[in-house]
Amino acid sequence: MEWIILAGDLLPPAQPTPIPGAGTVVQRLAGYGLWLLVLAGSAGVGIGGYKLATINKGRDGNGMEPFKWMGGGLAAVVIAGALIGIINGVAG
């Protein structure tokens, strides 16, 4: 539970929407965990962009690796955004 409180300092100052029927621990994990997933996905997109800029552009370079990073990061952001929207729809 302590890491959730520490992670709260990195996240936007918004309070998670209370989920009806869920305990406080579940609400905090759902709220902060999804924001951490968005941040991790954004980092994945950034790492992929960096790798794309610095990749060996010859025939023997691994040209698909940056796109794997960017695709995985983008998928994490989209999934977390959809889950945040669903939870806010259920709670609101």
PDB file of N, CA and C in Angstrom:
ATOM      1  N   MET A   1       0.823  -1.183   0.000  1.00  0.00           N
ATOM      2  CA  MET A   1       0.000   0.000   0.000  1.00  0.00           C
ATOM      3  C   MET A   1       0.870   1.251   0.000  1.00  0.00           C
ATOM      4  N   GLU A   2       2.082   1.129   0.512  1.00  0.00           N
ATOM      5  CA  GLU A   2       2.959   2.287   0.591  1.00  0.00           C
ATOM      6  C   GLU A   2       3.386   2.777  -0.791  1.00  0.00           C
ATOM      7  N   TRP A   3       3.596   1.834  -1.731  1.00  0.00           N
ATOM      8  CA  TRP A   3       4.007   2.236  -3.080  1.00  0.00           C
ATOM      9  C   TRP A   3       2.903   2.983  -3.804  1.00  0.00           C
ATOM     10  N   ILE A   4       1.663   2.713  -3.449  1.00  0.00           N
ATOM     11  CA  ILE A   4       0.549   3.452  -4.064  1.00  0.00           C
ATOM     12  C   ILE A   4       0.578   4.899  -3.587  1.00  0.00           C
ATOM     13  N   ILE A   5       0.857   5.098  -2.316  1.00  0.00           N
ATOM     14  CA  ILE A   5       0.928   6.452  -1.778  1.00  0.00           C
ATOM     15  C   ILE A   5       2.115   7.192  -2.392  1.00  0.00           C
ATOM     16  N   LEU A   6       3.256   6.506  -2.542  1.00  0.00           N
ATOM     17  CA  LEU A   6       4.421   7.129  -3.168  1.00  0.00           C
ATOM     18  C   LEU A   6       4.150   7.449  -4.636  1.00  0.00           C
ATOM     19  N   ALA A   7       3.438   6.583  -5.323  1.00  0.00           N
ATOM     20  CA  ALA A   7       3.119   6.820  -6.730  1.00  0.00           C
ATOM     21  C   ALA A   7       2.141   7.974  -6.882  1.00  0.00           C
ATOM     22  N   GLY A   8       1.347   8.246  -5.872  1.00  0.00           N
ATOM     23  CA  GLY A   8       0.391   9.337  -5.931  1.00  0.00           C
ATOM     24  C   GLY A   8       1.051  10.694  -6.116  1.00  0.00           C
ATOM     25  N   ASP A   9       2.320  10.821  -5.732  1.00  0.00           N
ATOM     26  CA  ASP A   9       3.027  12.080  -5.906  1.00  0.00           C
ATOM     27  C   ASP A   9       3.364  12.336  -7.375  1.00  0.00           C
ATOM     28  N   LEU A  10       3.458  11.288  -8.189  1.00  0.00           N
ATOM     29  CA  LEU A  10       3.798  11.434  -9.601  1.00  0.00           C
ATOM     30  C   LEU A  10       2.575  11.629 -10.489  1.00  0.00           C
ATOM     31  N   LEU A  11       1.409  11.366  -9.968  1.00  0.00           N
ATOM     32  CA  LEU A  11       0.199  11.379 -10.771  1.00  0.00           C
ATOM     33  C   LEU A  11      -0.515  12.716 -10.679  1.00  0.00           C
ATOM     34  N   PRO A  12      -1.438  12.965 -11.593  1.00  0.00           N
ATOM     35  CA  PRO A  12      -2.195  14.215 -11.522  1.00  0.00           C
ATOM     36  C   PRO A  12      -2.935  14.334 -10.191  1.00  0.00           C
ATOM     37  N   PRO A  13      -3.237  15.559  -9.750  1.00  0.00           N
ATOM     38  CA  PRO A  13      -3.841  15.739  -8.426  1.00  0.00           C
ATOM     39  C   PRO A  13      -5.325  15.380  -8.357  1.00  0.00           C
ATOM     40  N   ALA A  14      -5.847  14.676  -9.327  1.00  0.00           N
ATOM     41  CA  ALA A  14      -7.261  14.285  -9.313  1.00  0.00           C
ATOM     42  C   ALA A  14      -7.465  13.092  -8.388  1.00  0.00           C
ATOM     43  N   GLN A  15      -8.608  13.032  -7.753  1.00  0.00           N
ATOM     44  CA  GLN A  15      -8.969  11.891  -6.922  1.00  0.00           C
ATOM     45  C   GLN A  15      -9.711  10.873  -7.777  1.00  0.00           C
ATOM     46  N   PRO A  16      -9.405   9.586  -7.639  1.00  0.00           N
ATOM     47  CA  PRO A  16     -10.132   8.578  -8.402  1.00  0.00           C
ATOM     48  C   PRO A  16     -11.619   8.592  -8.061  1.00  0.00           C
ATOM     49  N   THR A  17     -12.445   8.336  -9.051  1.00  0.00           N
ATOM     50  CA  THR A  17     -13.890   8.278  -8.846  1.00  0.00           C
ATOM     51  C   THR A  17     -14.224   7.043  -8.021  1.00  0.00           C
ATOM     52  N   PRO A  18     -14.992   7.186  -6.937  1.00  0.00           N
ATOM     53  CA  PRO A  18     -15.346   6.011  -6.134  1.00  0.00           C
ATOM     54  C   PRO A  18     -16.173   5.013  -6.937  1.00  0.00           C
ATOM     55  N   ILE A  19     -15.815   3.750  -6.840  1.00  0.00           N
ATOM     56  CA  ILE A  19     -16.532   2.688  -7.540  1.00  0.00           C
ATOM     57  C   ILE A  19     -17.546   2.109  -6.571  1.00  0.00           C
ATOM     58  N   PRO A  20     -18.841   2.077  -6.950  1.00  0.00           N
ATOM     59  CA  PRO A  20     -19.837   1.550  -6.019  1.00  0.00           C
ATOM     60  C   PRO A  20     -19.597   0.064  -5.720  1.00  0.00           C
ATOM     61  N   GLY A  21     -19.623  -0.283  -4.457  1.00  0.00           N
ATOM     62  CA  GLY A  21     -19.478  -1.674  -4.047  1.00  0.00           C
ATOM     63  C   GLY A  21     -18.046  -2.150  -3.908  1.00  0.00           C
ATOM     64  N   ALA A  22     -17.063  -1.298  -4.182  1.00  0.00           N
ATOM     65  CA  ALA A  22     -15.667  -1.704  -4.071  1.00  0.00           C
ATOM     66  C   ALA A  22     -15.061  -1.076  -2.819  1.00  0.00           C
ATOM     67  N   GLY A  23     -14.120  -1.780  -2.230  1.00  0.00           N
ATOM     68  CA  GLY A  23     -13.444  -1.258  -1.045  1.00  0.00           C
ATOM     69  C   GLY A  23     -12.455  -0.162  -1.418  1.00  0.00           C
ATOM     70  N   THR A  24     -11.944   0.516  -0.410  1.00  0.00           N
ATOM     71  CA  THR A  24     -11.039   1.634  -0.666  1.00  0.00           C
ATOM     72  C   THR A  24      -9.727   1.181  -1.304  1.00  0.00           C
ATOM     73  N   VAL A  25      -9.241   0.008  -0.920  1.00  0.00           N
ATOM     74  CA  VAL A  25      -7.991  -0.488  -1.494  1.00  0.00           C
ATOM     75  C   VAL A  25      -8.170  -0.771  -2.983  1.00  0.00           C
ATOM     76  N   VAL A  26      -9.275  -1.394  -3.352  1.00  0.00           N
ATOM     77  CA  VAL A  26      -9.544  -1.699  -4.755  1.00  0.00           C
ATOM     78  C   VAL A  26      -9.702  -0.407  -5.547  1.00  0.00           C
ATOM     79  N   GLN A  27     -10.358   0.572  -4.980  1.00  0.00           N
ATOM     80  CA  GLN A  27     -10.535   1.853  -5.668  1.00  0.00           C
ATOM     81  C   GLN A  27      -9.195   2.524  -5.924  1.00  0.00           C
ATOM     82  N   ARG A  28      -8.325   2.516  -4.931  1.00  0.00           N
ATOM     83  CA  ARG A  28      -7.007   3.128  -5.102  1.00  0.00           C
ATOM     84  C   ARG A  28      -6.176   2.372  -6.123  1.00  0.00           C
ATOM     85  N   LEU A  29      -6.192   1.040  -6.057  1.00  0.00           N
ATOM     86  CA  LEU A  29      -5.423   0.250  -7.013  1.00  0.00           C
ATOM     87  C   LEU A  29      -5.919   0.481  -8.431  1.00  0.00           C
ATOM     88  N   ALA A  30      -7.222   0.514  -8.616  1.00  0.00           N
ATOM     89  CA  ALA A  30      -7.785   0.717  -9.954  1.00  0.00           C
ATOM     90  C   ALA A  30      -7.459   2.108 -10.463  1.00  0.00           C
ATOM     91  N   GLY A  31      -7.621   3.102  -9.621  1.00  0.00           N
ATOM     92  CA  GLY A  31      -7.378   4.477 -10.050  1.00  0.00           C
ATOM     93  C   GLY A  31      -5.918   4.754 -10.346  1.00  0.00           C
ATOM     94  N   TYR A  32      -5.059   4.497  -9.385  1.00  0.00           N
ATOM     95  CA  TYR A  32      -3.643   4.787  -9.562  1.00  0.00           C
ATOM     96  C   TYR A  32      -2.964   3.789 -10.488  1.00  0.00           C
ATOM     97  N   GLY A  33      -3.368   2.536 -10.435  1.00  0.00           N
ATOM     98  CA  GLY A  33      -2.761   1.523 -11.302  1.00  0.00           C
ATOM     99  C   GLY A  33      -2.970   1.827 -12.772  1.00  0.00           C
ATOM    100  N   LEU A  34      -4.152   2.296 -13.130  1.00  0.00           N
ATOM    101  CA  LEU A  34      -4.410   2.618 -14.533  1.00  0.00           C
ATOM    102  C   LEU A  34      -3.620   3.847 -14.972  1.00  0.00           C
ATOM    103  N   TRP A  35      -3.450   4.819 -14.086  1.00  0.00           N
ATOM    104  CA  TRP A  35      -2.634   5.975 -14.450  1.00  0.00           C
ATOM    105  C   TRP A  35      -1.177   5.571 -14.600  1.00  0.00           C
ATOM    106  N   LEU A  36      -0.709   4.657 -13.774  1.00  0.00           N
ATOM    107  CA  LEU A  36       0.667   4.166 -13.931  1.00  0.00           C
ATOM    108  C   LEU A  36       0.821   3.408 -15.246  1.00  0.00           C
ATOM    109  N   LEU A  37      -0.216   2.700 -15.667  1.00  0.00           N
ATOM    110  CA  LEU A  37      -0.181   2.010 -16.952  1.00  0.00           C
ATOM    111  C   LEU A  37      -0.102   3.018 -18.100  1.00  0.00           C
ATOM    112  N   VAL A  38      -0.802   4.128 -17.981  1.00  0.00           N
ATOM    113  CA  VAL A  38      -0.716   5.186 -19.003  1.00  0.00           C
ATOM    114  C   VAL A  38       0.700   5.749 -19.057  1.00  0.00           C
ATOM    115  N   LEU A  39       1.294   5.999 -17.889  1.00  0.00           N
ATOM    116  CA  LEU A  39       2.657   6.525 -17.856  1.00  0.00           C
ATOM    117  C   LEU A  39       3.658   5.527 -18.436  1.00  0.00           C
ATOM    118  N   ALA A  40       3.481   4.250 -18.124  1.00  0.00           N
ATOM    119  CA  ALA A  40       4.375   3.223 -18.664  1.00  0.00           C
ATOM    120  C   ALA A  40       4.216   3.105 -20.178  1.00  0.00           C
ATOM    121  N   GLY A  41       2.994   3.186 -20.671  1.00  0.00           N
ATOM    122  CA  GLY A  41       2.774   3.144 -22.111  1.00  0.00           C
ATOM    123  C   GLY A  41       3.394   4.334 -22.812  1.00  0.00           C
ATOM    124  N   SER A  42       3.304   5.496 -22.192  1.00  0.00           N
ATOM    125  CA  SER A  42       3.924   6.691 -22.760  1.00  0.00           C
ATOM    126  C   SER A  42       5.441   6.538 -22.800  1.00  0.00           C
ATOM    127  N   ALA A  43       5.993   5.949 -21.770  1.00  0.00           N
ATOM    128  CA  ALA A  43       7.438   5.697 -21.754  1.00  0.00           C
ATOM    129  C   ALA A  43       7.823   4.716 -22.859  1.00  0.00           C
ATOM    130  N   GLY A  44       7.000   3.705 -23.096  1.00  0.00           N
ATOM    131  CA  GLY A  44       7.270   2.747 -24.173  1.00  0.00           C
ATOM    132  C   GLY A  44       7.273   3.406 -25.538  1.00  0.00           C
ATOM    133  N   VAL A  45       6.324   4.320 -25.756  1.00  0.00           N
ATOM    134  CA  VAL A  45       6.296   5.051 -27.022  1.00  0.00           C
ATOM    135  C   VAL A  45       7.546   5.913 -27.154  1.00  0.00           C
ATOM    136  N   GLY A  46       7.956   6.549 -26.065  1.00  0.00           N
ATOM    137  CA  GLY A  46       9.164   7.382 -26.093  1.00  0.00           C
ATOM    138  C   GLY A  46      10.421   6.570 -26.354  1.00  0.00           C
ATOM    139  N   ILE A  47      10.537   5.412 -25.726  1.00  0.00           N
ATOM    140  CA  ILE A  47      11.697   4.550 -25.953  1.00  0.00           C
ATOM    141  C   ILE A  47      11.716   4.073 -27.402  1.00  0.00           C
ATOM    142  N   GLY A  48      10.551   3.719 -27.929  1.00  0.00           N
ATOM    143  CA  GLY A  48      10.477   3.307 -29.331  1.00  0.00           C
ATOM    144  C   GLY A  48      10.891   4.424 -30.276  1.00  0.00           C
ATOM    145  N   GLY A  49      10.471   5.649 -29.985  1.00  0.00           N
ATOM    146  CA  GLY A  49      10.882   6.787 -30.808  1.00  0.00           C
ATOM    147  C   GLY A  49      12.384   7.020 -30.742  1.00  0.00           C
ATOM    148  N   TYR A  50      12.952   6.879 -29.554  1.00  0.00           N
ATOM    149  CA  TYR A  50      14.401   7.021 -29.405  1.00  0.00           C
ATOM    150  C   TYR A  50      15.137   5.933 -30.185  1.00  0.00           C
ATOM    151  N   LYS A  51      14.667   4.700 -30.063  1.00  0.00           N
ATOM    152  CA  LYS A  51      15.305   3.598 -30.779  1.00  0.00           C
ATOM    153  C   LYS A  51      15.189   3.787 -32.295  1.00  0.00           C
ATOM    154  N   LEU A  52      14.057   4.318 -32.746  1.00  0.00           N
ATOM    155  CA  LEU A  52      13.883   4.557 -34.175  1.00  0.00           C
ATOM    156  C   LEU A  52      14.857   5.624 -34.666  1.00  0.00           C
ATOM    157  N   ALA A  53      15.116   6.621 -33.832  1.00  0.00           N
ATOM    158  CA  ALA A  53      16.029   7.691 -34.230  1.00  0.00           C
ATOM    159  C   ALA A  53      17.480   7.244 -34.233  1.00  0.00           C
ATOM    160  N   THR A  54      17.826   6.269 -33.400  1.00  0.00           N
ATOM    161  CA  THR A  54      19.231   5.867 -33.265  1.00  0.00           C
ATOM    162  C   THR A  54      19.518   4.480 -33.808  1.00  0.00           C
ATOM    163  N   ILE A  55      18.608   3.884 -34.573  1.00  0.00           N
ATOM    164  CA  ILE A  55      18.777   2.506 -35.032  1.00  0.00           C
ATOM    165  C   ILE A  55      19.803   2.419 -36.152  1.00  0.00           C
ATOM    166  N   ASN A  56      20.416   1.257 -36.259  1.00  0.00           N
ATOM    167  CA  ASN A  56      21.301   0.955 -37.380  1.00  0.00           C
ATOM    168  C   ASN A  56      20.421   0.738 -38.607  1.00  0.00           C
ATOM    169  N   LYS A  57      20.539   1.600 -39.563  1.00  0.00           N
ATOM    170  CA  LYS A  57      19.631   1.557 -40.705  1.00  0.00           C
ATOM    171  C   LYS A  57      20.112   0.616 -41.816  1.00  0.00           C
ATOM    172  N   GLY A  58      21.158  -0.151 -41.567  1.00  0.00           N
ATOM    173  CA  GLY A  58      21.650  -1.110 -42.561  1.00  0.00           C
ATOM    174  C   GLY A  58      20.746  -2.330 -42.647  1.00  0.00           C
ATOM    175  N   ARG A  59      21.097  -3.239 -43.541  1.00  0.00           N
ATOM    176  CA  ARG A  59      20.285  -4.447 -43.722  1.00  0.00           C
ATOM    177  C   ARG A  59      20.297  -5.354 -42.504  1.00  0.00           C
ATOM    178  N   ASP A  60      21.377  -5.343 -41.767  1.00  0.00           N
ATOM    179  CA  ASP A  60      21.474  -6.257 -40.626  1.00  0.00           C
ATOM    180  C   ASP A  60      20.887  -5.669 -39.342  1.00  0.00           C
ATOM    181  N   GLY A  61      20.395  -4.454 -39.360  1.00  0.00           N
ATOM    182  CA  GLY A  61      19.798  -3.846 -38.170  1.00  0.00           C
ATOM    183  C   GLY A  61      18.429  -4.447 -37.878  1.00  0.00           C
ATOM    184  N   ASN A  62      18.031  -4.394 -36.645  1.00  0.00           N
ATOM    185  CA  ASN A  62      16.724  -4.916 -36.243  1.00  0.00           C
ATOM    186  C   ASN A  62      15.705  -3.788 -36.407  1.00  0.00           C
ATOM    187  N   GLY A  63      15.174  -3.637 -37.617  1.00  0.00           N
ATOM    188  CA  GLY A  63      14.320  -2.506 -37.943  1.00  0.00           C
ATOM    189  C   GLY A  63      12.939  -2.540 -37.330  1.00  0.00           C
ATOM    190  N   MET A  64      12.463  -3.685 -36.860  1.00  0.00           N
ATOM    191  CA  MET A  64      11.102  -3.763 -36.307  1.00  0.00           C
ATOM    192  C   MET A  64      11.042  -3.494 -34.808  1.00  0.00           C
ATOM    193  N   GLU A  65      12.176  -3.526 -34.129  1.00  0.00           N
ATOM    194  CA  GLU A  65      12.152  -3.381 -32.677  1.00  0.00           C
ATOM    195  C   GLU A  65      11.545  -2.055 -32.203  1.00  0.00           C
ATOM    196  N   PRO A  66      11.883  -0.899 -32.802  1.00  0.00           N
ATOM    197  CA  PRO A  66      11.266   0.347 -32.335  1.00  0.00           C
ATOM    198  C   PRO A  66       9.751   0.341 -32.492  1.00  0.00           C
ATOM    199  N   PHE A  67       9.268  -0.264 -33.554  1.00  0.00           N
ATOM    200  CA  PHE A  67       7.826  -0.294 -33.790  1.00  0.00           C
ATOM    201  C   PHE A  67       7.127  -1.221 -32.789  1.00  0.00           C
ATOM    202  N   LYS A  68       7.831  -2.246 -32.335  1.00  0.00           N
ATOM    203  CA  LYS A  68       7.276  -3.102 -31.285  1.00  0.00           C
ATOM    204  C   LYS A  68       7.133  -2.316 -29.984  1.00  0.00           C
ATOM    205  N   TRP A  69       8.158  -1.519 -29.651  1.00  0.00           N
ATOM    206  CA  TRP A  69       8.086  -0.687 -28.447  1.00  0.00           C
ATOM    207  C   TRP A  69       6.949   0.315 -28.560  1.00  0.00           C
ATOM    208  N   MET A  70       6.880   0.999 -29.693  1.00  0.00           N
ATOM    209  CA  MET A  70       5.851   2.027 -29.856  1.00  0.00           C
ATOM    210  C   MET A  70       4.456   1.417 -29.899  1.00  0.00           C
ATOM    211  N   GLY A  71       4.313   0.275 -30.561  1.00  0.00           N
ATOM    212  CA  GLY A  71       3.012  -0.386 -30.625  1.00  0.00           C
ATOM    213  C   GLY A  71       2.552  -0.886 -29.272  1.00  0.00           C
ATOM    214  N   GLY A  72       3.479  -1.464 -28.504  1.00  0.00           N
ATOM    215  CA  GLY A  72       3.133  -1.927 -27.160  1.00  0.00           C
ATOM    216  C   GLY A  72       2.770  -0.777 -26.237  1.00  0.00           C
ATOM    217  N   GLY A  73       3.523   0.308 -26.329  1.00  0.00           N
ATOM    218  CA  GLY A  73       3.216   1.483 -25.510  1.00  0.00           C
ATOM    219  C   GLY A  73       1.877   2.096 -25.881  1.00  0.00           C
ATOM    220  N   LEU A  74       1.616   2.193 -27.182  1.00  0.00           N
ATOM    221  CA  LEU A  74       0.343   2.754 -27.629  1.00  0.00           C
ATOM    222  C   LEU A  74      -0.823   1.862 -27.205  1.00  0.00           C
ATOM    223  N   ALA A  75      -0.640   0.542 -27.285  1.00  0.00           N
ATOM    224  CA  ALA A  75      -1.690  -0.379 -26.850  1.00  0.00           C
ATOM    225  C   ALA A  75      -1.964  -0.225 -25.360  1.00  0.00           C
ATOM    226  N   ALA A  76      -0.906  -0.059 -24.556  1.00  0.00           N
ATOM    227  CA  ALA A  76      -1.094   0.130 -23.114  1.00  0.00           C
ATOM    228  C   ALA A  76      -1.863   1.412 -22.818  1.00  0.00           C
ATOM    229  N   VAL A  77      -1.550   2.480 -23.543  1.00  0.00           N
ATOM    230  CA  VAL A  77      -2.249   3.749 -23.326  1.00  0.00           C
ATOM    231  C   VAL A  77      -3.716   3.627 -23.721  1.00  0.00           C
ATOM    232  N   VAL A  78      -3.986   2.987 -24.858  1.00  0.00           N
ATOM    233  CA  VAL A  78      -5.373   2.844 -25.325  1.00  0.00           C
ATOM    234  C   VAL A  78      -6.185   1.971 -24.370  1.00  0.00           C
ATOM    235  N   ILE A  79      -5.610   0.852 -23.937  1.00  0.00           N
ATOM    236  CA  ILE A  79      -6.328  -0.047 -23.024  1.00  0.00           C
ATOM    237  C   ILE A  79      -6.583   0.642 -21.685  1.00  0.00           C
ATOM    238  N   ALA A  80      -5.574   1.327 -21.145  1.00  0.00           N
ATOM    239  CA  ALA A  80      -5.762   2.022 -19.872  1.00  0.00           C
ATOM    240  C   ALA A  80      -6.790   3.137 -20.022  1.00  0.00           C
ATOM    241  N   GLY A  81      -6.755   3.858 -21.127  1.00  0.00           N
ATOM    242  CA  GLY A  81      -7.746   4.912 -21.350  1.00  0.00           C
ATOM    243  C   GLY A  81      -9.152   4.363 -21.441  1.00  0.00           C
ATOM    244  N   ALA A  82      -9.307   3.229 -22.128  1.00  0.00           N
ATOM    245  CA  ALA A  82     -10.627   2.609 -22.223  1.00  0.00           C
ATOM    246  C   ALA A  82     -11.097   2.142 -20.852  1.00  0.00           C
ATOM    247  N   LEU A  83     -10.216   1.540 -20.069  1.00  0.00           N
ATOM    248  CA  LEU A  83     -10.602   1.079 -18.735  1.00  0.00           C
ATOM    249  C   LEU A  83     -10.938   2.245 -17.805  1.00  0.00           C
ATOM    250  N   ILE A  84     -10.202   3.349 -17.924  1.00  0.00           N
ATOM    251  CA  ILE A  84     -10.523   4.528 -17.124  1.00  0.00           C
ATOM    252  C   ILE A  84     -11.900   5.042 -17.498  1.00  0.00           C
ATOM    253  N   GLY A  85     -12.195   5.076 -18.798  1.00  0.00           N
ATOM    254  CA  GLY A  85     -13.521   5.506 -19.250  1.00  0.00           C
ATOM    255  C   GLY A  85     -14.636   4.587 -18.765  1.00  0.00           C
ATOM    256  N   ILE A  86     -14.394   3.287 -18.805  1.00  0.00           N
ATOM    257  CA  ILE A  86     -15.406   2.319 -18.346  1.00  0.00           C
ATOM    258  C   ILE A  86     -15.647   2.462 -16.853  1.00  0.00           C
ATOM    259  N   ILE A  87     -14.578   2.587 -16.075  1.00  0.00           N
ATOM    260  CA  ILE A  87     -14.729   2.711 -14.625  1.00  0.00           C
ATOM    261  C   ILE A  87     -15.450   4.012 -14.289  1.00  0.00           C
ATOM    262  N   ASN A  88     -15.108   5.106 -14.974  1.00  0.00           N
ATOM    263  CA  ASN A  88     -15.797   6.366 -14.717  1.00  0.00           C
ATOM    264  C   ASN A  88     -17.270   6.284 -15.126  1.00  0.00           C
ATOM    265  N   GLY A  89     -17.577   5.524 -16.172  1.00  0.00           N
ATOM    266  CA  GLY A  89     -18.959   5.338 -16.578  1.00  0.00           C
ATOM    267  C   GLY A  89     -19.751   4.534 -15.563  1.00  0.00           C
ATOM    268  N   VAL A  90     -19.116   3.507 -14.986  1.00  0.00           N
ATOM    269  CA  VAL A  90     -19.787   2.692 -13.974  1.00  0.00           C
ATOM    270  C   VAL A  90     -19.945   3.482 -12.686  1.00  0.00           C
ATOM    271  N   ALA A  91     -18.909   4.236 -12.324  1.00  0.00           N
ATOM    272  CA  ALA A  91     -18.938   4.957 -11.058  1.00  0.00           C
ATOM    273  C   ALA A  91     -19.759   6.240 -11.145  1.00  0.00           C
ATOM    274  N   GLY A  92     -19.864   6.816 -12.334  1.00  0.00           N
ATOM    275  CA  GLY A  92     -20.530   8.109 -12.457  1.00  0.00           C
ATOM    276  C   GLY A  92     -21.979   7.958 -12.697  1.00  0.00           C
TER     277      GLY A  92
END
